[in-house]
Amino acid sequence: AAKMPGQEQMVLQYYQNNPEAMQDLRGFLMEEKMLDLVIEKA
């Protein structure tokens, strides 16, 4: 939301009202953590 100046509230409401978008964020963060683990163990 911070990357969209002037539209922060709209972006946050989008995520709050859209369970699929929240699930996408969860998937993105999970992928990031998995990549961090792979890099750490490489």
All heavy atoms as atom14 arrays in JSON, in Angstrom:
{
  "sequence": "AAKMPGQEQMVLQYYQNNPEAMQDLRGFLMEEKMLDLVIEKA",
  "atom14_mask": [
    [1, 1, 1, 1, 1, 0, 0, 0, 0, 0, 0, 0, 0, 0],
    [1, 1, 1, 1, 1, 0, 0, 0, 0, 0, 0, 0, 0, 0],
    [1, 1, 1, 1, 1, 1, 1, 1, 1, 0, 0, 0, 0, 0],
    [1, 1, 1, 1, 1, 1, 1, 1, 0, 0, 0, 0, 0, 0],
    [1, 1, 1, 1, 1, 1, 1, 0, 0, 0, 0, 0, 0, 0],
    [1, 1, 1, 1, 0, 0, 0, 0, 0, 0, 0, 0, 0, 0],
    [1, 1, 1, 1, 1, 1, 1, 1, 1, 0, 0, 0, 0, 0],
    [1, 1, 1, 1, 1, 1, 1, 1, 1, 0, 0, 0, 0, 0],
    [1, 1, 1, 1, 1, 1, 1, 1, 1, 0, 0, 0, 0, 0],
    [1, 1, 1, 1, 1, 1, 1, 1, 0, 0, 0, 0, 0, 0],
    [1, 1, 1, 1, 1, 1, 1, 0, 0, 0, 0, 0, 0, 0],
    [1, 1, 1, 1, 1, 1, 1, 1, 0, 0, 0, 0, 0, 0],
    [1, 1, 1, 1, 1, 1, 1, 1, 1, 0, 0, 0, 0, 0],
    [1, 1, 1, 1, 1, 1, 1, 1, 1, 1, 1, 1, 0, 0],
    [1, 1, 1, 1, 1, 1, 1, 1, 1, 1, 1, 1, 0, 0],
    [1, 1, 1, 1, 1, 1, 1, 1, 1, 0, 0, 0, 0, 0],
    [1, 1, 1, 1, 1, 1, 1, 1, 0, 0, 0, 0, 0, 0],
    [1, 1, 1, 1, 1, 1, 1, 1, 0, 0, 0, 0, 0, 0],
    [1, 1, 1, 1, 1, 1, 1, 0, 0, 0, 0, 0, 0, 0],
    [1, 1, 1, 1, 1, 1, 1, 1, 1, 0, 0, 0, 0, 0],
    [1, 1, 1, 1, 1, 0, 0, 0, 0, 0, 0, 0, 0, 0],
    [1, 1, 1, 1, 1, 1, 1, 1, 0, 0, 0, 0, 0, 0],
    [1, 1, 1, 1, 1, 1, 1, 1, 1, 0, 0, 0, 0, 0],
    [1, 1, 1, 1, 1, 1, 1, 1, 0, 0, 0, 0, 0, 0],
    [1, 1, 1, 1, 1, 1, 1, 1, 0, 0, 0, 0, 0, 0],
    [1, 1, 1, 1, 1, 1, 1, 1, 1, 1, 1, 0, 0, 0],
    [1, 1, 1, 1, 0, 0, 0, 0, 0, 0, 0, 0, 0, 0],
    [1, 1, 1, 1, 1, 1, 1, 1, 1, 1, 1, 0, 0, 0],
    [1, 1, 1, 1, 1, 1, 1, 1, 0, 0, 0, 0, 0, 0],
    [1, 1, 1, 1, 1, 1, 1, 1, 0, 0, 0, 0, 0, 0],
    [1, 1, 1, 1, 1, 1, 1, 1, 1, 0, 0, 0, 0, 0],
    [1, 1, 1, 1, 1, 1, 1, 1, 1, 0, 0, 0, 0, 0],
    [1, 1, 1, 1, 1, 1, 1, 1, 1, 0, 0, 0, 0, 0],
    [1, 1, 1, 1, 1, 1, 1, 1, 0, 0, 0, 0, 0, 0],
    [1, 1, 1, 1, 1, 1, 1, 1, 0, 0, 0, 0, 0, 0],
    [1, 1, 1, 1, 1, 1, 1, 1, 0, 0, 0, 0, 0, 0],
    [1, 1, 1, 1, 1, 1, 1, 1, 0, 0, 0, 0, 0, 0],
    [1, 1, 1, 1, 1, 1, 1, 0, 0, 0, 0, 0, 0, 0],
    [1, 1, 1, 1, 1, 1, 1, 1, 0, 0, 0, 0, 0, 0],
    [1, 1, 1, 1, 1, 1, 1, 1, 1, 0, 0, 0, 0, 0],
    [1, 1, 1, 1, 1, 1, 1, 1, 1, 0, 0, 0, 0, 0],
    [1, 1, 1, 1, 1, 0, 0, 0, 0, 0, 0, 0, 0, 0]
  ],
  "atom14_positions": [
    [[0.84, -1.2, 0.0], [0.0, 0.0, 0.0], [0.87, 1.25, 0.0], [0.55, 2.24, -0.67], [-0.93, -0.01, 1.2], [0.0, 0.0, 0.0], [0.0, 0.0, 0.0], [0.0, 0.0, 0.0], [0.0, 0.0, 0.0], [0.0, 0.0, 0.0], [0.0, 0.0, 0.0], [0.0, 0.0, 0.0], [0.0, 0.0, 0.0], [0.0, 0.0, 0.0]],
    [[1.97, 1.21, 0.72], [2.87, 2.36, 0.8], [3.5, 2.69, -0.55], [3.91, 3.83, -0.78], [3.96, 2.1, 1.84], [0.0, 0.0, 0.0], [0.0, 0.0, 0.0], [0.0, 0.0, 0.0], [0.0, 0.0, 0.0], [0.0, 0.0, 0.0], [0.0, 0.0, 0.0], [0.0, 0.0, 0.0], [0.0, 0.0, 0.0], [0.0, 0.0, 0.0]],
    [[3.54, 1.73, -1.43], [4.11, 1.94, -2.76], [3.12, 2.65, -3.7], [3.45, 2.93, -4.84], [4.55, 0.62, -3.38], [5.72, -0.02, -2.65], [6.1, -1.34, -3.27], [7.26, -1.97, -2.52], [7.65, -3.26, -3.09], [0.0, 0.0, 0.0], [0.0, 0.0, 0.0], [0.0, 0.0, 0.0], [0.0, 0.0, 0.0], [0.0, 0.0, 0.0]],
    [[1.92, 2.9, -3.19], [0.9, 3.56, -4.01], [0.41, 4.82, -3.29], [-0.7, 4.82, -2.73], [-0.25, 2.59, -4.3], [0.24, 1.34, -5.03], [-1.09, 0.26, -5.53], [-1.73, 1.16, -6.92], [0.0, 0.0, 0.0], [0.0, 0.0, 0.0], [0.0, 0.0, 0.0], [0.0, 0.0, 0.0], [0.0, 0.0, 0.0], [0.0, 0.0, 0.0]],
    [[1.23, 5.86, -3.27], [0.87, 7.09, -2.55], [-0.51, 7.62, -2.97], [-0.84, 7.66, -4.15], [1.97, 8.07, -2.94], [3.11, 7.22, -3.39], [2.49, 5.98, -3.97], [0.0, 0.0, 0.0], [0.0, 0.0, 0.0], [0.0, 0.0, 0.0], [0.0, 0.0, 0.0], [0.0, 0.0, 0.0], [0.0, 0.0, 0.0], [0.0, 0.0, 0.0]],
    [[-1.28, 7.97, -1.97], [-2.61, 8.5, -2.21], [-3.68, 7.44, -2.31], [-4.87, 7.73, -2.25], [0.0, 0.0, 0.0], [0.0, 0.0, 0.0], [0.0, 0.0, 0.0], [0.0, 0.0, 0.0], [0.0, 0.0, 0.0], [0.0, 0.0, 0.0], [0.0, 0.0, 0.0], [0.0, 0.0, 0.0], [0.0, 0.0, 0.0], [0.0, 0.0, 0.0]],
    [[-3.27, 6.19, -2.46], [-4.23, 5.09, -2.6], [-4.03, 4.03, -1.52], [-4.56, 2.92, -1.63], [-4.1, 4.46, -3.98], [-4.39, 5.4, -5.11], [-4.21, 4.74, -6.46], [-3.55, 3.71, -6.59], [-4.8, 5.33, -7.48], [0.0, 0.0, 0.0], [0.0, 0.0, 0.0], [0.0, 0.0, 0.0], [0.0, 0.0, 0.0], [0.0, 0.0, 0.0]],
    [[-3.28, 4.39, -0.48], [-2.95, 3.41, 0.55], [-4.2, 2.75, 1.16], [-4.26, 1.53, 1.3], [-2.13, 4.04, 1.69], [-0.76, 4.54, 1.27], [-0.76, 5.99, 0.82], [-1.84, 6.56, 0.6], [0.34, 6.54, 0.71], [0.0, 0.0, 0.0], [0.0, 0.0, 0.0], [0.0, 0.0, 0.0], [0.0, 0.0, 0.0], [0.0, 0.0, 0.0]],
    [[-5.18, 3.58, 1.53], [-6.38, 3.05, 2.16], [-7.15, 2.12, 1.22], [-7.64, 1.08, 1.64], [-7.28, 4.2, 2.64], [-8.38, 3.74, 3.57], [-7.85, 3.08, 4.83], [-6.82, 3.45, 5.38], [-8.55, 2.07, 5.31], [0.0, 0.0, 0.0], [0.0, 0.0, 0.0], [0.0, 0.0, 0.0], [0.0, 0.0, 0.0], [0.0, 0.0, 0.0]],
    [[-7.22, 2.48, -0.04], [-7.91, 1.67, -1.02], [-7.22, 0.3, -1.17], [-7.88, -0.74, -1.25], [-7.98, 2.38, -2.38], [-8.76, 1.62, -3.44], [-8.88, 2.5, -5.0], [-7.18, 2.45, -5.55], [0.0, 0.0, 0.0], [0.0, 0.0, 0.0], [0.0, 0.0, 0.0], [0.0, 0.0, 0.0], [0.0, 0.0, 0.0], [0.0, 0.0, 0.0]],
    [[-5.9, 0.3, -1.2], [-5.15, -0.95, -1.34], [-5.37, -1.83, -0.1], [-5.62, -3.03, -0.22], [-3.64, -0.67, -1.55], [-2.83, -1.96, -1.51], [-3.42, 0.06, -2.87], [0.0, 0.0, 0.0], [0.0, 0.0, 0.0], [0.0, 0.0, 0.0], [0.0, 0.0, 0.0], [0.0, 0.0, 0.0], [0.0, 0.0, 0.0], [0.0, 0.0, 0.0]],
    [[-5.31, -1.24, 1.07], [-5.53, -2.01, 2.3], [-6.94, -2.59, 2.34], [-7.14, -3.73, 2.74], [-5.25, -1.15, 3.53], [-3.78, -0.81, 3.77], [-3.64, 0.15, 4.94], [-2.96, -2.06, 4.02], [0.0, 0.0, 0.0], [0.0, 0.0, 0.0], [0.0, 0.0, 0.0], [0.0, 0.0, 0.0], [0.0, 0.0, 0.0], [0.0, 0.0, 0.0]],
    [[-7.92, -1.8, 1.92], [-9.29, -2.3, 1.89], [-9.43, -3.45, 0.9], [-10.16, -4.42, 1.14], [-10.27, -1.19, 1.55], [-10.5, -0.23, 2.7], [-11.42, 0.92, 2.32], [-11.74, 1.11, 1.15], [-11.82, 1.7, 3.32], [0.0, 0.0, 0.0], [0.0, 0.0, 0.0], [0.0, 0.0, 0.0], [0.0, 0.0, 0.0], [0.0, 0.0, 0.0]],
    [[-8.73, -3.35, -0.21], [-8.75, -4.43, -1.2], [-8.3, -5.73, -0.55], [-8.95, -6.78, -0.71], [-7.85, -4.08, -2.39], [-7.59, -5.25, -3.3], [-8.57, -5.69, -4.19], [-6.38, -5.93, -3.26], [-8.34, -6.78, -5.02], [-6.15, -7.01, -4.09], [-7.12, -7.43, -4.97], [-6.9, -8.52, -5.79], [0.0, 0.0, 0.0], [0.0, 0.0, 0.0]],
    [[-7.18, -5.68, 0.17], [-6.68, -6.9, 0.81], [-7.62, -7.37, 1.92], [-7.86, -8.58, 2.07], [-5.27, -6.69, 1.35], [-4.22, -6.72, 0.26], [-3.5, -5.59, -0.07], [-3.98, -7.88, -0.45], [-2.55, -5.62, -1.09], [-3.04, -7.93, -1.47], [-2.33, -6.79, -1.78], [-1.4, -6.84, -2.78], [0.0, 0.0, 0.0], [0.0, 0.0, 0.0]],
    [[-8.17, -6.45, 2.68], [-9.08, -6.82, 3.76], [-10.35, -7.48, 3.24], [-10.91, -8.37, 3.88], [-9.45, -5.6, 4.6], [-8.3, -5.07, 5.43], [-8.63, -3.75, 6.11], [-9.63, -3.12, 5.81], [-7.76, -3.34, 7.02], [0.0, 0.0, 0.0], [0.0, 0.0, 0.0], [0.0, 0.0, 0.0], [0.0, 0.0, 0.0], [0.0, 0.0, 0.0]],
    [[-10.82, -7.04, 2.1], [-12.09, -7.53, 1.55], [-11.93, -8.66, 0.54], [-12.92, -9.12, -0.01], [-12.86, -6.37, 0.89], [-13.24, -5.3, 1.89], [-13.5, -5.59, 3.06], [-13.25, -4.06, 1.45], [0.0, 0.0, 0.0], [0.0, 0.0, 0.0], [0.0, 0.0, 0.0], [0.0, 0.0, 0.0], [0.0, 0.0, 0.0], [0.0, 0.0, 0.0]],
    [[-10.71, -9.08, 0.3], [-10.47, -10.09, -0.73], [-9.61, -11.22, -0.16], [-8.38, -11.15, -0.18], [-9.78, -9.42, -1.93], [-9.71, -10.32, -3.12], [-9.78, -11.53, -3.02], [-9.55, -9.71, -4.28], [0.0, 0.0, 0.0], [0.0, 0.0, 0.0], [0.0, 0.0, 0.0], [0.0, 0.0, 0.0], [0.0, 0.0, 0.0], [0.0, 0.0, 0.0]],
    [[-10.25, -12.28, 0.33], [-9.5, -13.41, 0.91], [-8.5, -14.03, -0.07], [-7.43, -14.48, 0.35], [-10.58, -14.42, 1.29], [-11.85, -13.64, 1.37], [-11.7, -12.5, 0.41], [0.0, 0.0, 0.0], [0.0, 0.0, 0.0], [0.0, 0.0, 0.0], [0.0, 0.0, 0.0], [0.0, 0.0, 0.0], [0.0, 0.0, 0.0], [0.0, 0.0, 0.0]],
    [[-8.82, -14.04, -1.34], [-7.88, -14.6, -2.33], [-6.61, -13.77, -2.41], [-5.51, -14.31, -2.55], [-8.54, -14.7, -3.69], [-9.58, -15.78, -3.78], [-10.24, -15.84, -5.16], [-9.79, -15.14, -6.09], [-11.2, -16.61, -5.29], [0.0, 0.0, 0.0], [0.0, 0.0, 0.0], [0.0, 0.0, 0.0], [0.0, 0.0, 0.0], [0.0, 0.0, 0.0]],
    [[-6.76, -12.45, -2.32], [-5.58, -11.57, -2.36], [-4.72, -11.79, -1.11], [-3.49, -11.8, -1.2], [-6.01, -10.11, -2.46], [0.0, 0.0, 0.0], [0.0, 0.0, 0.0], [0.0, 0.0, 0.0], [0.0, 0.0, 0.0], [0.0, 0.0, 0.0], [0.0, 0.0, 0.0], [0.0, 0.0, 0.0], [0.0, 0.0, 0.0], [0.0, 0.0, 0.0]],
    [[-5.36, -12.0, 0.02], [-4.61, -12.27, 1.26], [-3.89, -13.61, 1.14], [-2.75, -13.75, 1.58], [-5.55, -12.28, 2.46], [-6.13, -10.92, 2.79], [-4.88, -9.72, 3.29], [-4.78, -10.09, 5.03], [0.0, 0.0, 0.0], [0.0, 0.0, 0.0], [0.0, 0.0, 0.0], [0.0, 0.0, 0.0], [0.0, 0.0, 0.0], [0.0, 0.0, 0.0]],
    [[-4.53, -14.58, 0.51], [-3.9, -15.89, 0.31], [-2.72, -15.76, -0.65], [-1.7, -16.43, -0.46], [-4.94, -16.89, -0.23], [-4.51, -18.31, -0.13], [-4.28, -18.78, 1.31], [-4.86, -18.25, 2.25], [-3.42, -19.75, 1.48], [0.0, 0.0, 0.0], [0.0, 0.0, 0.0], [0.0, 0.0, 0.0], [0.0, 0.0, 0.0], [0.0, 0.0, 0.0]],
    [[-2.84, -14.89, -1.64], [-1.71, -14.63, -2.55], [-0.52, -14.06, -1.79], [0.63, -14.43, -2.05], [-2.13, -13.68, -3.67], [-3.04, -14.33, -4.71], [-3.13, -15.58, -4.72], [-3.66, -13.59, -5.49], [0.0, 0.0, 0.0], [0.0, 0.0, 0.0], [0.0, 0.0, 0.0], [0.0, 0.0, 0.0], [0.0, 0.0, 0.0], [0.0, 0.0, 0.0]],
    [[-0.8, -13.14, -0.86], [0.28, -12.57, -0.04], [0.93, -13.67, 0.8], [2.15, -13.71, 0.93], [-0.25, -11.47, 0.88], [-0.61, -10.15, 0.23], [-1.11, -9.17, 1.28], [0.58, -9.55, -0.51], [0.0, 0.0, 0.0], [0.0, 0.0, 0.0], [0.0, 0.0, 0.0], [0.0, 0.0, 0.0], [0.0, 0.0, 0.0], [0.0, 0.0, 0.0]],
    [[0.11, -14.54, 1.37], [0.64, -15.65, 2.18], [1.55, -16.53, 1.31], [2.65, -16.89, 1.72], [-0.49, -16.48, 2.77], [0.0, -17.65, 3.63], [-1.16, -18.48, 4.19], [-2.03, -17.7, 5.06], [-1.78, -17.43, 6.34], [-0.68, -17.88, 6.9], [-2.64, -16.74, 7.06], [0.0, 0.0, 0.0], [0.0, 0.0, 0.0], [0.0, 0.0, 0.0]],
    [[1.12, -16.84, 0.1], [1.92, -17.66, -0.81], [3.23, -16.98, -1.18], [4.28, -17.61, -1.2], [0.0, 0.0, 0.0], [0.0, 0.0, 0.0], [0.0, 0.0, 0.0], [0.0, 0.0, 0.0], [0.0, 0.0, 0.0], [0.0, 0.0, 0.0], [0.0, 0.0, 0.0], [0.0, 0.0, 0.0], [0.0, 0.0, 0.0], [0.0, 0.0, 0.0]],
    [[3.15, -15.67, -1.46], [4.35, -14.91, -1.79], [5.35, -14.95, -0.64], [6.54, -15.22, -0.85], [3.97, -13.45, -2.12], [5.15, -12.54, -2.2], [5.96, -12.53, -3.3], [5.45, -11.68, -1.14], [7.07, -11.68, -3.38], [6.54, -10.84, -1.2], [7.36, -10.83, -2.32], [0.0, 0.0, 0.0], [0.0, 0.0, 0.0], [0.0, 0.0, 0.0]],
    [[4.87, -14.71, 0.58], [5.76, -14.7, 1.73], [6.34, -16.09, 2.0], [7.5, -16.23, 2.38], [5.02, -14.18, 2.96], [4.66, -12.69, 2.89], [3.69, -12.32, 4.01], [5.9, -11.82, 2.95], [0.0, 0.0, 0.0], [0.0, 0.0, 0.0], [0.0, 0.0, 0.0], [0.0, 0.0, 0.0], [0.0, 0.0, 0.0], [0.0, 0.0, 0.0]],
    [[5.53, -17.13, 1.78], [6.0, -18.5, 1.96], [7.12, -18.8, 0.97], [8.15, -19.37, 1.33], [4.84, -19.48, 1.78], [5.17, -20.89, 2.16], [5.47, -21.14, 3.92], [3.83, -20.95, 4.58], [0.0, 0.0, 0.0], [0.0, 0.0, 0.0], [0.0, 0.0, 0.0], [0.0, 0.0, 0.0], [0.0, 0.0, 0.0], [0.0, 0.0, 0.0]],
    [[6.92, -18.4, -0.28], [7.97, -18.6, -1.29], [9.24, -17.87, -0.92], [10.34, -18.41, -1.09], [7.48, -18.11, -2.65], [6.45, -19.01, -3.29], [5.93, -18.46, -4.61], [6.52, -17.5, -5.14], [4.92, -18.99, -5.1], [0.0, 0.0, 0.0], [0.0, 0.0, 0.0], [0.0, 0.0, 0.0], [0.0, 0.0, 0.0], [0.0, 0.0, 0.0]],
    [[9.12, -16.66, -0.42], [10.29, -15.88, -0.02], [11.06, -16.61, 1.09], [12.28, -16.7, 1.05], [9.88, -14.49, 0.46], [9.4, -13.58, -0.65], [10.51, -13.18, -1.6], [11.57, -12.73, -1.12], [10.33, -13.33, -2.82], [0.0, 0.0, 0.0], [0.0, 0.0, 0.0], [0.0, 0.0, 0.0], [0.0, 0.0, 0.0], [0.0, 0.0, 0.0]],
    [[10.34, -17.13, 2.06], [10.98, -17.85, 3.16], [11.64, -19.13, 2.67], [12.72, -19.49, 3.14], [9.97, -18.15, 4.26], [9.57, -16.93, 5.06], [8.67, -17.3, 6.21], [8.41, -16.1, 7.09], [7.74, -16.49, 8.34], [0.0, 0.0, 0.0], [0.0, 0.0, 0.0], [0.0, 0.0, 0.0], [0.0, 0.0, 0.0], [0.0, 0.0, 0.0]],
    [[10.99, -19.83, 1.75], [11.58, -21.06, 1.21], [12.85, -20.74, 0.43], [13.85, -21.45, 0.56], [10.57, -21.79, 0.33], [9.48, -22.45, 1.12], [8.13, -23.24, 0.18], [8.86, -23.72, -1.34], [0.0, 0.0, 0.0], [0.0, 0.0, 0.0], [0.0, 0.0, 0.0], [0.0, 0.0, 0.0], [0.0, 0.0, 0.0], [0.0, 0.0, 0.0]],
    [[12.83, -19.69, -0.36], [14.03, -19.3, -1.1], [15.15, -18.9, -0.15], [16.31, -19.26, -0.37], [13.72, -18.14, -2.05], [12.95, -18.5, -3.31], [12.56, -17.26, -4.08], [13.75, -19.44, -4.18], [0.0, 0.0, 0.0], [0.0, 0.0, 0.0], [0.0, 0.0, 0.0], [0.0, 0.0, 0.0], [0.0, 0.0, 0.0], [0.0, 0.0, 0.0]],
    [[14.81, -18.17, 0.91], [15.82, -17.8, 1.91], [16.45, -19.05, 2.51], [17.67, -19.11, 2.71], [15.21, -16.94, 3.0], [14.86, -15.54, 2.53], [15.35, -15.11, 1.45], [14.09, -14.85, 3.24], [0.0, 0.0, 0.0], [0.0, 0.0, 0.0], [0.0, 0.0, 0.0], [0.0, 0.0, 0.0], [0.0, 0.0, 0.0], [0.0, 0.0, 0.0]],
    [[15.63, -20.07, 2.79], [16.13, -21.31, 3.36], [17.06, -22.02, 2.38], [18.13, -22.49, 2.76], [14.96, -22.23, 3.73], [15.35, -23.59, 4.28], [16.0, -23.46, 5.66], [14.15, -24.5, 4.34], [0.0, 0.0, 0.0], [0.0, 0.0, 0.0], [0.0, 0.0, 0.0], [0.0, 0.0, 0.0], [0.0, 0.0, 0.0], [0.0, 0.0, 0.0]],
    [[16.67, -22.09, 1.13], [17.5, -22.76, 0.12], [18.84, -22.04, -0.01], [19.9, -22.67, -0.04], [16.77, -22.82, -1.24], [17.71, -23.25, -2.36], [15.57, -23.75, -1.15], [0.0, 0.0, 0.0], [0.0, 0.0, 0.0], [0.0, 0.0, 0.0], [0.0, 0.0, 0.0], [0.0, 0.0, 0.0], [0.0, 0.0, 0.0], [0.0, 0.0, 0.0]],
    [[18.79, -20.72, -0.06], [20.04, -19.95, -0.18], [20.91, -20.15, 1.05], [22.13, -20.3, 0.95], [19.72, -18.46, -0.41], [19.12, -18.28, -1.8], [20.95, -17.6, -0.22], [18.51, -16.92, -2.05], [0.0, 0.0, 0.0], [0.0, 0.0, 0.0], [0.0, 0.0, 0.0], [0.0, 0.0, 0.0], [0.0, 0.0, 0.0], [0.0, 0.0, 0.0]],
    [[20.28, -20.18, 2.22], [21.02, -20.37, 3.46], [21.71, -21.73, 3.5], [22.84, -21.86, 3.95], [20.05, -20.24, 4.63], [20.66, -20.5, 5.99], [19.61, -20.47, 7.09], [18.8, -19.54, 7.12], [19.61, -21.42, 7.9], [0.0, 0.0, 0.0], [0.0, 0.0, 0.0], [0.0, 0.0, 0.0], [0.0, 0.0, 0.0], [0.0, 0.0, 0.0]],
    [[21.02, -22.76, 3.0], [21.56, -24.11, 3.08], [22.44, -24.48, 1.88], [23.1, -25.52, 1.92], [20.42, -25.11, 3.22], [19.72, -24.99, 4.56], [18.79, -26.12, 4.79], [18.17, -25.96, 6.17], [18.13, -27.2, 6.9], [0.0, 0.0, 0.0], [0.0, 0.0, 0.0], [0.0, 0.0, 0.0], [0.0, 0.0, 0.0], [0.0, 0.0, 0.0]],
    [[22.42, -23.67, 0.86], [23.23, -23.96, -0.33], [24.71, -23.91, 0.03], [25.14, -23.09, 0.83], [22.92, -22.96, -1.43], [0.0, 0.0, 0.0], [0.0, 0.0, 0.0], [0.0, 0.0, 0.0], [0.0, 0.0, 0.0], [0.0, 0.0, 0.0], [0.0, 0.0, 0.0], [0.0, 0.0, 0.0], [0.0, 0.0, 0.0], [0.0, 0.0, 0.0]]
  ]
}
